[in-house]
Protein backbone atom coordinates (compact mmCIF):
# COMPACT_ATOMS: atom_id res chain seq x y z
CA UNK A 1 -31.99 -2.62 11.21
CA UNK A 2 -29.36 -1.87 8.53
CA UNK A 3 -26.67 -4.49 8.02
CA UNK A 4 -23.18 -4.82 6.61
CA UNK A 5 -23.32 -7.53 3.95
CA UNK A 6 -20.33 -9.89 3.56
CA UNK A 7 -19.96 -11.36 0.02
CA UNK A 8 -19.52 -15.12 -0.19
CA UNK A 9 -15.92 -14.81 -1.38
CA UNK A 10 -15.00 -12.72 1.68
CA UNK A 11 -16.64 -14.72 4.44
CA UNK A 12 -13.39 -16.42 5.36
CA UNK A 13 -12.44 -13.00 6.76
CA UNK A 14 -15.67 -12.70 8.78
CA UNK A 15 -15.80 -16.01 10.63
CA UNK A 16 -18.37 -17.27 8.13
CA UNK A 17 -20.91 -14.58 9.01
CA UNK A 18 -23.01 -13.36 6.05
CA UNK A 19 -23.90 -9.97 7.54
CA UNK A 20 -23.66 -7.84 10.66
CA UNK A 21 -26.36 -5.55 12.11
CA UNK A 22 -25.48 -1.87 12.24
CA UNK A 23 -26.55 -0.09 15.41
CA UNK A 24 -24.55 3.11 14.87
CA UNK A 25 -23.72 5.42 12.03
CA UNK A 26 -20.03 4.56 11.63
CA UNK A 27 -18.23 1.41 10.66
CA UNK A 28 -16.33 1.45 13.96
CA UNK A 29 -19.59 1.31 15.91
CA UNK A 30 -20.92 -1.39 13.61
CA UNK A 31 -17.80 -3.45 14.04
CA UNK A 32 -17.95 -3.07 17.80
CA UNK A 33 -21.44 -4.59 17.70
CA UNK A 34 -20.25 -7.31 15.34
CA UNK A 35 -17.42 -8.27 17.67
CA UNK A 36 -19.81 -8.58 20.59
CA UNK A 37 -21.89 -11.01 18.53
CA UNK A 38 -18.89 -12.82 17.01
CA UNK A 39 -15.95 -12.82 19.50
CA UNK A 40 -13.63 -14.65 17.10
CA UNK A 41 -14.19 -12.26 14.20
CA UNK A 42 -11.29 -11.15 11.99
CA UNK A 43 -12.17 -8.62 9.29
CA UNK A 44 -10.45 -6.46 6.70
CA UNK A 45 -12.03 -3.43 5.05
CA UNK A 46 -12.98 -4.15 1.45
CA UNK A 47 -15.18 -2.74 -1.26
CA UNK A 48 -17.71 -4.83 -3.17
CA UNK A 49 -15.08 -5.88 -5.69
CA UNK A 50 -13.10 -7.47 -2.87
CA UNK A 51 -10.22 -4.99 -2.97
CA UNK A 52 -8.63 -4.51 0.41
CA UNK A 53 -8.48 -0.83 1.40
CA UNK A 54 -6.69 -1.14 4.72
CA UNK A 55 -4.94 -4.47 4.44
CA UNK A 56 -3.30 -5.67 7.64
CA UNK A 57 -5.18 -3.30 9.86
CA UNK A 58 -6.97 -6.10 11.70
CA UNK A 59 -10.11 -5.39 13.69
CA UNK A 60 -10.53 -7.96 16.45
CA UNK A 61 -12.29 -8.08 19.79
CA UNK A 62 -12.99 -4.34 19.90
CA UNK A 63 -9.36 -3.54 19.13
CA UNK A 64 -7.45 -2.15 16.18
CA UNK A 65 -4.19 -4.02 15.57
CA UNK A 66 -1.93 -1.75 13.48
CA UNK A 67 0.26 -3.12 10.68
CA UNK A 68 3.47 -2.54 12.62
CA UNK A 69 2.32 -4.63 15.54
CA UNK A 70 2.16 -1.70 17.99
CA UNK A 71 -0.07 -1.90 21.03
CA UNK A 72 -3.73 -2.37 20.22
CA UNK A 73 -6.01 0.67 20.43
CA UNK A 74 -9.73 0.66 21.28
CA UNK A 75 -12.14 1.27 18.44
CA UNK A 76 -13.53 4.79 18.34
CA UNK A 77 -16.06 6.41 15.97
CA UNK A 78 -13.38 8.36 14.12
CA UNK A 79 -11.32 5.21 13.46
CA UNK A 80 -13.71 3.81 10.87
CA UNK A 81 -15.37 4.56 7.56
CA UNK A 82 -19.04 5.49 7.36
CA UNK A 83 -20.51 2.10 6.74
CA UNK A 84 -22.56 2.75 3.60
CA UNK A 85 -19.63 4.38 1.81
CA UNK A 86 -17.18 1.73 2.95
CA UNK A 87 -19.23 -1.28 1.96
CA UNK A 88 -20.79 0.37 -1.08
CA UNK A 89 -17.43 1.29 -2.54
CA UNK A 90 -17.56 5.04 -1.83
CA UNK A 91 -14.20 4.70 -0.08
CA UNK A 92 -14.53 7.90 1.95
CA UNK A 93 -13.62 8.22 5.62
CA UNK A 94 -15.97 9.57 8.26
CA UNK A 95 -14.04 12.85 8.18
CA UNK A 96 -14.49 13.25 4.42
CA UNK A 97 -10.95 12.14 3.45
CA UNK A 98 -10.58 9.73 0.55
CA UNK A 99 -9.30 6.22 1.23
CA UNK A 100 -5.97 5.32 -0.46
CA UNK A 101 -6.27 5.25 -4.23
CA UNK A 102 -5.63 2.10 -6.23
CA UNK A 103 -2.00 1.78 -7.32
CA UNK A 104 -1.37 1.06 -11.00
CA UNK A 105 0.76 -2.07 -11.39
CA UNK A 106 2.40 -3.84 -14.29
CA UNK A 107 3.71 -7.42 -14.23
CA UNK A 108 6.58 -8.55 -16.47
CA UNK A 109 6.64 -12.33 -16.79
CA UNK A 110 3.72 -14.63 -16.17
CA UNK A 111 5.04 -18.01 -15.12
CA UNK A 112 4.61 -19.41 -11.61
CA UNK A 113 5.80 -16.21 -9.91
CA UNK A 114 4.06 -13.76 -12.24
CA UNK A 115 0.65 -15.30 -11.70
CA UNK A 116 1.03 -15.04 -7.93
CA UNK A 117 2.11 -11.41 -8.21
CA UNK A 118 -0.87 -10.62 -10.46
CA UNK A 119 -3.26 -12.20 -7.97
CA UNK A 120 -1.86 -10.25 -5.03
CA UNK A 121 -1.98 -6.89 -6.81
CA UNK A 122 -5.76 -6.66 -6.57
CA UNK A 123 -5.93 -7.96 -3.02
CA UNK A 124 -3.36 -5.38 -1.89
CA UNK A 125 -5.22 -2.35 -3.20
CA UNK A 126 -3.71 -2.23 -6.67
CA UNK A 127 -5.02 -2.22 -10.22
CA UNK A 128 -3.40 -4.53 -12.76
CA UNK A 129 -2.78 -2.08 -15.59
CA UNK A 130 -0.95 -4.53 -17.80
CA UNK A 131 1.10 -7.64 -18.24
CA UNK A 132 3.90 -8.85 -20.51
CA UNK A 133 4.33 -12.51 -21.36
CA UNK A 134 6.84 -14.39 -23.47
CA UNK A 135 5.14 -13.31 -26.72
CA UNK A 136 2.44 -10.84 -27.83
CA UNK A 137 -0.02 -13.73 -28.20
CA UNK A 138 0.81 -15.02 -24.75
CA UNK A 139 0.47 -11.53 -23.30
CA UNK A 140 -3.02 -11.13 -24.76
CA UNK A 141 -4.14 -14.50 -23.39
CA UNK A 142 -2.73 -13.77 -19.94
CA UNK A 143 -4.28 -10.30 -19.78
CA UNK A 144 -7.70 -11.86 -20.18
CA UNK A 145 -6.98 -14.71 -17.80
CA UNK A 146 -5.48 -12.58 -15.01
CA UNK A 147 -7.72 -9.54 -15.35
CA UNK A 148 -5.17 -7.03 -16.63
CA UNK A 149 -6.51 -3.94 -18.35
CA UNK A 150 -4.27 -4.53 -21.34
CA UNK A 151 -1.44 -6.63 -22.75
CA UNK A 152 1.83 -4.83 -23.51
CA UNK A 153 3.96 -5.94 -26.47
CA UNK A 154 7.20 -5.43 -24.54
CA UNK A 155 8.61 -4.85 -21.06
CA UNK A 156 9.97 -1.51 -22.18
CA UNK A 157 6.54 -0.25 -23.20
CA UNK A 158 5.00 -1.39 -19.92
CA UNK A 159 7.70 0.42 -17.92
CA UNK A 160 7.16 3.61 -19.95
CA UNK A 161 3.38 3.65 -19.53
CA UNK A 162 2.17 6.56 -17.37
CA UNK A 163 -0.50 4.45 -15.64
CA UNK A 164 2.06 1.97 -14.31
CA UNK A 165 3.38 3.17 -10.95
CA UNK A 166 4.96 -0.07 -9.75
CA UNK A 167 6.64 -2.73 -11.89
CA UNK A 168 6.69 -6.38 -10.81
CA UNK A 169 9.70 -8.15 -12.37
CA UNK A 170 8.94 -11.89 -12.61
CA UNK A 171 11.10 -12.98 -15.55
CA UNK A 172 13.90 -15.55 -15.60
CA UNK A 173 16.75 -14.41 -13.38
CA UNK A 174 19.10 -13.10 -16.05
CA UNK A 175 16.74 -10.21 -16.84
CA UNK A 176 16.04 -9.09 -13.27
CA UNK A 177 18.88 -6.58 -13.10
CA UNK A 178 18.26 -4.80 -16.39
CA UNK A 179 14.49 -4.56 -15.95
CA UNK A 180 14.62 -3.43 -12.32
CA UNK A 181 17.18 -0.78 -13.24
CA UNK A 182 15.12 0.43 -16.20
CA UNK A 183 12.04 0.74 -14.00
CA UNK A 184 13.89 2.67 -11.29
CA UNK A 185 15.45 4.95 -13.91
CA UNK A 186 11.93 5.62 -15.22
CA UNK A 187 10.81 6.67 -11.74
CA UNK A 188 8.77 3.53 -11.04
CA UNK A 189 8.57 1.60 -7.80
CA UNK A 190 9.76 -2.00 -8.21
CA UNK A 191 8.98 -5.45 -6.87
CA UNK A 192 11.73 -7.75 -8.18
CA UNK A 193 11.77 -11.50 -7.78
CA UNK A 194 14.93 -12.92 -6.26
CA UNK A 195 17.71 -13.17 -7.00
CA UNK A 196 17.82 -9.39 -7.34
CA UNK A 197 20.62 -9.95 -9.87
CA UNK A 198 22.91 -12.80 -10.90
CA UNK A 199 26.04 -10.92 -9.78
CA UNK A 200 26.85 -8.62 -6.87
CA UNK A 201 28.01 -5.54 -8.86
CA UNK A 202 24.58 -5.33 -10.51
CA UNK A 203 22.80 -5.95 -7.20
CA UNK A 204 24.91 -3.24 -5.53
CA UNK A 205 24.02 -0.78 -8.27
CA UNK A 206 20.31 -1.56 -7.88
CA UNK A 207 20.35 -1.23 -4.09
CA UNK A 208 22.20 2.07 -4.38
CA UNK A 209 19.81 3.38 -7.03
CA UNK A 210 16.76 2.40 -4.96
CA UNK A 211 18.20 4.10 -1.89
CA UNK A 212 19.14 7.34 -3.66
CA UNK A 213 15.91 7.60 -5.66
CA UNK A 214 13.59 7.35 -2.68
CA UNK A 215 11.49 4.84 -4.61
CA UNK A 216 10.07 1.72 -2.97
CA UNK A 217 11.98 -1.35 -4.15
CA UNK A 218 11.24 -4.73 -2.56
CA UNK A 219 12.14 -8.42 -2.95
CA UNK A 220 9.59 -11.13 -2.05
CA UNK A 221 11.21 -12.93 0.88
CA UNK A 222 7.63 -13.78 1.81
CA UNK A 223 8.27 -16.42 4.47
CA UNK A 224 8.82 -13.48 6.84
CA UNK A 225 5.05 -12.98 6.76
CA UNK A 226 3.85 -16.12 8.54
CA UNK A 227 2.32 -15.01 11.86
CA UNK A 228 4.17 -17.72 13.78
CA UNK A 229 7.48 -16.65 12.19
CA UNK A 230 6.84 -13.16 13.57
CA UNK A 231 6.10 -14.79 16.93
CA UNK A 232 9.38 -16.73 16.83
CA UNK A 233 11.21 -13.52 15.96
CA UNK A 234 9.58 -11.63 18.83
CA UNK A 235 10.59 -14.36 21.30
CA UNK A 236 14.17 -14.47 20.08
CA UNK A 237 14.49 -10.69 20.13
CA UNK A 238 12.94 -10.51 23.64
CA UNK A 239 15.57 -12.91 24.96
CA UNK A 240 13.13 -15.73 25.75
CA UNK A 241 15.56 -18.28 24.29
CA UNK A 242 18.55 -16.92 26.16
CA UNK A 243 21.80 -16.65 24.24
CA UNK A 244 21.45 -18.06 20.74
CA UNK A 245 24.04 -20.82 20.35
CA UNK A 246 23.03 -22.88 17.32
CA UNK A 247 20.92 -22.25 14.21
CA UNK A 248 20.24 -25.15 11.86
CA UNK A 249 17.76 -26.29 9.28
CA UNK A 250 16.91 -27.44 5.79
CA UNK A 251 15.13 -26.33 2.65
CA UNK A 252 14.16 -29.42 0.68
CA UNK A 253 12.19 -29.91 -2.55
CA UNK A 254 11.79 -32.81 -5.00
CA UNK A 255 10.58 -31.18 -8.20
CA UNK A 256 13.97 -31.63 -9.96
CA UNK A 257 14.77 -35.12 -8.69
CA UNK A 258 14.46 -36.92 -12.05
CA UNK A 259 16.47 -36.73 -15.24
CA UNK A 260 13.36 -35.61 -17.14
CA UNK A 261 12.76 -32.71 -14.74
CA UNK A 262 13.87 -29.49 -16.36
CA UNK A 263 13.22 -25.76 -16.23
CA UNK A 264 15.05 -22.60 -17.27
CA UNK A 265 16.48 -22.42 -13.73
CA UNK A 266 18.79 -25.31 -14.61
CA UNK A 267 20.49 -23.25 -17.35
CA UNK A 268 23.08 -20.86 -15.86
CA UNK A 269 22.62 -18.50 -18.83
CA UNK A 270 19.05 -17.88 -17.66
CA UNK A 271 19.09 -18.76 -13.97
CA UNK A 272 22.59 -17.65 -12.98
CA UNK A 273 25.60 -19.57 -11.66
CA UNK A 274 23.74 -21.01 -8.63
CA UNK A 275 20.42 -22.85 -8.74
CA UNK A 276 19.41 -24.67 -5.55
CA UNK A 277 21.07 -22.26 -3.16
CA UNK A 278 20.18 -19.05 -5.02
CA UNK A 279 16.61 -20.23 -5.60
CA UNK A 280 15.68 -21.56 -2.15
CA UNK A 281 18.75 -21.45 0.10
CA UNK A 282 18.63 -17.67 -0.10
CA UNK A 283 15.13 -17.78 1.40
CA UNK A 284 16.39 -19.85 4.34
CA UNK A 285 19.32 -17.53 5.05
CA UNK A 286 17.14 -14.42 4.82
CA UNK A 287 14.62 -15.93 7.22
CA UNK A 288 17.30 -17.04 9.68
CA UNK A 289 18.88 -13.58 9.77
CA UNK A 290 15.44 -11.92 10.00
CA UNK A 291 14.33 -14.03 12.97
CA UNK A 292 17.59 -14.07 14.93
CA UNK A 293 18.84 -10.57 14.12
CA UNK A 294 22.26 -12.11 13.56
CA UNK A 295 24.21 -12.06 10.29
CA UNK A 296 26.41 -14.73 8.75
CA UNK A 297 30.07 -13.65 8.91
CA UNK A 298 31.89 -16.83 7.78
CA UNK A 299 30.78 -19.89 5.86
CA UNK A 300 32.04 -23.10 4.30
CA UNK A 301 30.05 -24.76 1.53
CA UNK A 302 29.89 -27.94 -0.52
CA UNK A 303 27.81 -28.14 -3.71
CA UNK A 304 26.77 -31.33 -5.48
CA UNK A 305 25.18 -32.00 -8.88
CA UNK A 306 23.69 -35.48 -8.71
CA UNK A 307 22.29 -35.36 -12.26
CA UNK A 308 25.09 -34.22 -14.61
CA UNK A 309 22.69 -34.52 -17.57
CA UNK A 310 18.98 -33.81 -17.93
CA UNK A 311 16.44 -34.03 -20.73
CA UNK A 312 16.20 -30.41 -21.82
CA UNK A 313 12.77 -28.83 -22.17
CA UNK A 314 13.12 -25.06 -21.63
CA UNK A 315 9.37 -24.32 -21.67
CA UNK A 316 8.53 -26.63 -18.78
CA UNK A 317 6.81 -24.80 -15.92
CA UNK A 318 8.32 -24.85 -12.44
CA UNK A 319 7.08 -27.69 -10.20
CA UNK A 320 5.42 -29.50 -13.11
CA UNK A 321 6.13 -33.21 -13.72
CA UNK A 322 9.14 -34.05 -15.89
CA UNK A 323 9.07 -35.51 -19.36
CA UNK A 324 10.63 -38.56 -20.99
CA UNK A 325 11.87 -36.92 -24.18
CA UNK A 326 14.24 -34.13 -25.08
CA UNK A 327 17.90 -33.68 -25.88
CA UNK A 328 20.51 -34.51 -23.26
CA UNK A 329 21.65 -31.23 -21.67
CA UNK A 330 24.74 -30.90 -19.52
CA UNK A 331 23.96 -29.52 -16.06
CA UNK A 332 26.32 -26.94 -14.57
CA UNK A 333 24.29 -25.85 -11.52
CA UNK A 334 23.95 -27.57 -8.16
CA UNK A 335 21.17 -29.89 -7.01
CA UNK A 336 22.33 -29.88 -3.37
CA UNK A 337 24.12 -27.35 -1.16
CA UNK A 338 25.56 -27.94 2.32
CA UNK A 339 26.62 -24.86 4.27
CA UNK A 340 28.28 -24.41 7.68
CA UNK A 341 28.38 -20.89 9.06
CA UNK A 342 29.18 -18.56 11.95
CA UNK A 343 27.30 -15.38 12.89
CA UNK A 344 28.19 -11.98 14.28
CA UNK A 345 26.27 -12.91 17.44
CA UNK A 346 28.53 -15.83 18.25
CA UNK A 347 26.24 -18.61 17.04
CA UNK A 348 27.20 -21.44 14.71
CA UNK A 349 24.90 -23.13 12.24
CA UNK A 350 24.25 -25.27 9.22
CA UNK A 351 21.72 -25.61 6.42
CA UNK A 352 21.06 -28.39 3.89
CA UNK A 353 19.44 -27.28 0.62
CA UNK A 354 18.16 -29.75 -1.96
CA UNK A 355 15.87 -29.87 -4.98
CA UNK A 356 16.18 -33.66 -5.30
CA UNK A 357 14.71 -34.96 -1.98
CA UNK A 358 11.79 -37.32 -2.71
CA UNK A 359 8.57 -36.41 -0.95
CA UNK A 360 9.72 -32.99 0.21
CA UNK A 361 7.64 -30.49 -1.71
CA UNK A 362 8.69 -27.23 -0.08
CA UNK A 363 10.09 -28.00 3.34
CA UNK A 364 11.74 -24.90 4.73
CA UNK A 365 12.54 -25.80 8.35
CA UNK A 366 14.68 -24.06 10.94
CA UNK A 367 15.51 -24.49 14.59
CA UNK A 368 17.14 -21.88 16.81
CA UNK A 369 18.70 -23.26 19.99
CA UNK A 370 19.37 -20.85 22.84
CA UNK A 371 20.82 -21.27 26.31
CA UNK A 372 17.29 -21.51 27.82
CA UNK A 373 14.88 -22.57 25.08
CA UNK A 374 14.65 -23.54 21.42
CA UNK A 375 12.17 -22.58 18.71
CA UNK A 376 11.47 -24.45 15.46
CA UNK A 377 9.31 -23.72 12.40
CA UNK A 378 8.30 -25.94 9.45
CA UNK A 379 6.87 -24.11 6.41
CA UNK A 380 4.89 -27.20 5.38
CA UNK A 381 3.14 -27.00 8.80
CA UNK A 382 2.88 -23.21 9.03
CA UNK A 383 0.22 -22.88 11.71
CA UNK A 384 2.52 -23.66 14.63
CA UNK A 385 5.97 -23.25 16.09
CA UNK A 386 7.63 -25.63 18.55
CA UNK A 387 9.08 -24.18 21.75
CA UNK A 388 11.58 -26.53 23.39
CA UNK A 389 12.64 -26.51 27.04
CA UNK A 390 14.59 -28.85 29.30
CA UNK A 391 11.58 -29.65 31.50
CA UNK A 392 8.81 -29.33 28.93
CA UNK A 393 8.17 -28.42 25.31
CA UNK A 394 5.09 -26.82 23.84
CA UNK A 395 3.39 -26.19 20.51
CA UNK A 396 2.27 -22.59 19.99
CA UNK A 397 -0.46 -22.19 17.38
CA UNK A 398 -1.42 -19.19 15.30
CA UNK A 399 -4.38 -17.52 16.93
CA UNK A 400 -3.30 -18.41 20.46
CA UNK A 401 -3.77 -15.78 23.14
CA UNK A 402 -0.70 -13.87 24.19
CA UNK A 403 1.01 -13.73 20.79
CA UNK A 404 3.22 -10.73 20.09
CA UNK A 405 1.60 -7.74 18.39
CA UNK A 406 3.80 -8.27 15.33
CA UNK A 407 2.35 -11.79 14.99
CA UNK A 408 -1.26 -10.73 15.59
CA UNK A 409 -1.06 -8.02 12.93
CA UNK A 410 -0.68 -10.76 10.28
CA UNK A 411 -3.18 -13.14 11.90
CA UNK A 412 -6.16 -12.49 9.63
CA UNK A 413 -8.10 -15.75 9.88
CA UNK A 414 -9.84 -17.44 12.81
CA UNK A 415 -7.89 -20.26 14.45
CA UNK A 416 -8.49 -23.51 12.60
CA UNK A 417 -8.73 -21.77 9.22
CA UNK A 418 -5.19 -22.33 7.89
CA UNK A 419 -3.30 -19.56 6.20
CA UNK A 420 -0.40 -20.27 3.89
CA UNK A 421 1.98 -19.11 1.20
CA UNK A 422 -0.58 -17.06 -0.74
CA UNK A 423 -1.59 -15.10 2.35
CA UNK A 424 2.10 -14.37 2.99
CA UNK A 425 2.50 -13.13 -0.56
CA UNK A 426 -0.61 -10.96 -0.26
CA UNK A 427 0.78 -9.44 2.94
CA UNK A 428 4.16 -8.75 1.32
CA UNK A 429 2.61 -6.97 -1.68
CA UNK A 430 0.29 -5.05 0.65
CA UNK A 431 3.29 -3.90 2.70
CA UNK A 432 4.97 -2.75 -0.51
CA UNK A 433 1.91 -0.77 -1.56
CA UNK A 434 1.54 0.84 1.87
CA UNK A 435 5.18 1.88 1.60
CA UNK A 436 4.40 3.44 -1.81
CA UNK A 437 1.62 5.40 -0.09
CA UNK A 438 4.19 6.69 2.41
CA UNK A 439 3.74 4.21 5.28
CA UNK A 440 6.70 1.76 5.13
CA UNK A 441 6.07 -1.15 7.54
CA UNK A 442 8.74 -2.70 9.73
CA UNK A 443 10.22 -5.94 8.42
CA UNK A 444 9.50 -5.35 4.72
CA UNK A 445 12.27 -6.93 2.58
CA UNK A 446 13.91 -4.32 0.33
CA UNK A 447 16.64 -4.26 -2.31
CA UNK A 448 19.32 -4.12 0.41
CA UNK A 449 18.06 -7.54 1.53
CA UNK A 450 18.19 -8.75 -2.07
CA UNK A 451 21.80 -7.56 -2.30
CA UNK A 452 22.58 -9.40 0.92
CA UNK A 453 21.22 -12.64 -0.57
CA UNK A 454 23.36 -12.22 -3.71
CA UNK A 455 26.48 -11.70 -1.59
CA UNK A 456 25.76 -14.79 0.52
CA UNK A 457 25.19 -16.82 -2.66
CA UNK A 458 28.48 -15.67 -4.18
CA UNK A 459 30.28 -16.58 -0.96
CA UNK A 460 28.77 -20.07 -1.09
CA UNK A 461 29.95 -20.48 -4.70
CA UNK A 462 33.45 -19.21 -3.84
CA UNK A 463 33.78 -21.47 -0.80
CA UNK A 464 32.65 -24.54 -2.73
CA UNK A 465 34.97 -23.75 -5.63
CA UNK A 466 38.06 -23.18 -3.42
CA UNK A 467 37.23 -25.63 -0.58
CA UNK A 468 37.90 -22.85 1.96
CA UNK A 469 36.04 -20.83 4.54
CA UNK A 470 34.83 -17.51 3.17
CA UNK A 471 34.34 -14.30 5.17
CA UNK A 472 31.34 -11.98 4.65
CA UNK A 473 30.68 -8.46 5.79
CA UNK A 474 27.77 -8.71 8.26
């Protein structure tokens, strides 16, 4: 009997199974048989190179779970690819239509963020056309390391190249605005690391240009893509918590806790006027507003720099251990931010942001307290959410039965096989590429969300500088 072979590198998507017998002539029929044999199966359609053709369309238990989390539909013969063409890389549907073509991508900047972007390009159905590093020599080395077709000598040449359809901007913050604008002006789709810009006028111009051009322009607020975050959102939006009264949390790291810890983010000429809040506090605020559906309307902030001097070493990579040598450099950006806020839904809240908290590597945590129940999420324990009640509290795990469709559509691994930050990033880039193909998914963070983060950051800076409450447009 013919079989669908699963390469070793892809078996985490197939419950560990090496192959599935094919009883029918279409992939849908084959998958239906596979699900009967393997009830816990999760699978994504890939070619032999491992490129995902229909990322986030999850086949599970004889159902198709669409990307937008709509109600599941039964598998039918015309839902799938003919199996030999699908697995063999022919990429042709049963009706003779071609599967989505690979999208040509270019990555500008190849530090911590750039490497993650480059990895996700291939997994999301893209082709890494080229990359630009900090020097021509660095670009050549990175092209070979990351599998880019070529190294570009400059960002401008990458943006101008006809094969590049989408530009990933992963440089230090001070260049985000100019490069994103150049790419949009050249008719390219854009994925721009946050902050979208280091000032709101530039961010406003970018958001307006993206909107008027019709191009896809996204910002990687990737914590939106944890399945249990989508579950928390669905419960809040369905009213399961009752009236939301209080929203509170933290985002704590320790990678800049010592005097020898340094990175370009510390320098306001490269990173912008805010560091801790703009870098990670913006993630927390975006996630809070995404989950609750409420927007911050007033805030009061206090910023603290606990290390007024550091040992400067501009080339040090983010999250790497600090050094013991280097010139003393005055620090003008904050290590800690404390923010109180009110929302347009009547809730009050607070967040503590720190990059100097020993032992906390990347602890984004929030709790939303309603009149009936509470929900809490910890990014360092991303497989579960806590649901609190007066009589009893429960832990809801990814993969549990009864999760919302929007959560299940991002639940790609069997329960007990943890997913994490990289899977979230893959899902974000895949959403961006599906939007480029004309299918924009719900919940995808766009330049308007990047502008919102810049405005919140500027309000935090203003409040801390003037020791006053600051109003924001919701």
